[in-house]
Amino acid sequence: MDRLKAPAMVSEGRARHRDHTDEEEAALVGLLKYMARQELPACREVLKSKVRDIINTSGK
């Protein structure tokens, strides 16, 4: 099931803290899909840089 389209599920007990909003996660998913279509590797350095860009754009 697609996490971005699924209803929010909260398990009993301690809930998981989310570091990113749905919009930020969607932006990252879009980037990863684009990179996959272009056959570009999603290396850790590139992903960290793009996540920082997304967070900076959101104003966090």
C-alpha atoms as a PDB file:
ATOM      1  CA  MET A   1       0.000   0.000   0.000  1.00  0.00           C
ATOM      2  CA  ASP A   2       1.283   3.458  -0.882  1.00  0.00           C
ATOM      3  CA  ARG A   3       2.222   5.198   2.363  1.00  0.00           C
ATOM      4  CA  LEU A   4       1.457   8.654   1.019  1.00  0.00           C
ATOM      5  CA  LYS A   5      -2.083   7.642   0.009  1.00  0.00           C
ATOM      6  CA  ALA A   6      -2.814   5.384   2.973  1.00  0.00           C
ATOM      7  CA  PRO A   7      -4.826   6.676   5.928  1.00  0.00           C
ATOM      8  CA  ALA A   8      -2.753   7.644   8.938  1.00  0.00           C
ATOM      9  CA  MET A   9      -2.268   4.678  11.195  1.00  0.00           C
ATOM     10  CA  VAL A  10      -1.182   5.135  14.791  1.00  0.00           C
ATOM     11  CA  SER A  11      -0.315   2.069  16.764  1.00  0.00           C
ATOM     12  CA  GLU A  12      -1.083   1.880  20.415  1.00  0.00           C
ATOM     13  CA  GLY A  13       1.776   2.807  22.663  1.00  0.00           C
ATOM     14  CA  ARG A  14       4.569   5.042  21.537  1.00  0.00           C
ATOM     15  CA  ALA A  15       3.928   6.753  18.220  1.00  0.00           C
ATOM     16  CA  ARG A  16       6.708   7.248  15.707  1.00  0.00           C
ATOM     17  CA  HIS A  17       7.958  10.829  15.496  1.00  0.00           C
ATOM     18  CA  ARG A  18       7.866  12.098  11.912  1.00  0.00           C
ATOM     19  CA  ASP A  19      10.736  14.294  10.857  1.00  0.00           C
ATOM     20  CA  HIS A  20       9.228  15.315   7.510  1.00  0.00           C
ATOM     21  CA  THR A  21       5.839  16.487   6.338  1.00  0.00           C
ATOM     22  CA  ASP A  22       3.840  14.624   3.695  1.00  0.00           C
ATOM     23  CA  GLU A  23       4.829  17.302   1.163  1.00  0.00           C
ATOM     24  CA  GLU A  24       8.525  16.883   1.946  1.00  0.00           C
ATOM     25  CA  GLU A  25       8.255  13.113   1.661  1.00  0.00           C
ATOM     26  CA  ALA A  26       6.382  13.448  -1.642  1.00  0.00           C
ATOM     27  CA  ALA A  27       9.148  15.723  -2.968  1.00  0.00           C
ATOM     28  CA  LEU A  28      11.785  13.166  -2.020  1.00  0.00           C
ATOM     29  CA  VAL A  29       9.788  10.314  -3.568  1.00  0.00           C
ATOM     30  CA  GLY A  30       9.459  12.364  -6.748  1.00  0.00           C
ATOM     31  CA  LEU A  31      13.210  12.899  -6.821  1.00  0.00           C
ATOM     32  CA  LEU A  32      13.901   9.190  -6.327  1.00  0.00           C
ATOM     33  CA  LYS A  33      11.453   8.250  -9.092  1.00  0.00           C
ATOM     34  CA  TYR A  34      13.077  10.794 -11.419  1.00  0.00           C
ATOM     35  CA  MET A  35      16.537   9.435 -10.618  1.00  0.00           C
ATOM     36  CA  ALA A  36      15.344   5.868 -11.265  1.00  0.00           C
ATOM     37  CA  ARG A  37      13.874   6.838 -14.661  1.00  0.00           C
ATOM     38  CA  GLN A  38      17.175   8.487 -15.598  1.00  0.00           C
ATOM     39  CA  GLU A  39      19.104   5.436 -14.301  1.00  0.00           C
ATOM     40  CA  LEU A  40      21.010   7.626 -11.846  1.00  0.00           C
ATOM     41  CA  PRO A  41      22.272   6.072  -8.627  1.00  0.00           C
ATOM     42  CA  ALA A  42      20.656   7.344  -5.428  1.00  0.00           C
ATOM     43  CA  CYS A  43      23.851   7.574  -3.419  1.00  0.00           C
ATOM     44  CA  ARG A  44      23.799   8.712   0.196  1.00  0.00           C
ATOM     45  CA  GLU A  45      25.528  12.054  -0.467  1.00  0.00           C
ATOM     46  CA  VAL A  46      23.031  13.052  -3.168  1.00  0.00           C
ATOM     47  CA  LEU A  47      20.060  12.060  -1.020  1.00  0.00           C
ATOM     48  CA  LYS A  48      21.360  13.952   2.024  1.00  0.00           C
ATOM     49  CA  SER A  49      21.912  17.045  -0.099  1.00  0.00           C
ATOM     50  CA  LYS A  50      18.415  16.902  -1.599  1.00  0.00           C
ATOM     51  CA  VAL A  51      16.779  16.296   1.786  1.00  0.00           C
ATOM     52  CA  ARG A  52      18.598  19.373   3.124  1.00  0.00           C
ATOM     53  CA  ASP A  53      17.352  21.380   0.121  1.00  0.00           C
ATOM     54  CA  ILE A  54      13.771  20.231   0.738  1.00  0.00           C
ATOM     55  CA  ILE A  55      13.979  21.092   4.434  1.00  0.00           C
ATOM     56  CA  ASN A  56      15.537  24.505   3.755  1.00  0.00           C
ATOM     57  CA  THR A  57      12.830  25.268   1.198  1.00  0.00           C
ATOM     58  CA  SER A  58      10.107  24.360   3.691  1.00  0.00           C
ATOM     59  CA  GLY A  59      11.555  26.791   6.241  1.00  0.00           C
ATOM     60  CA  LYS A  60      12.187  24.313   9.046  1.00  0.00           C
END
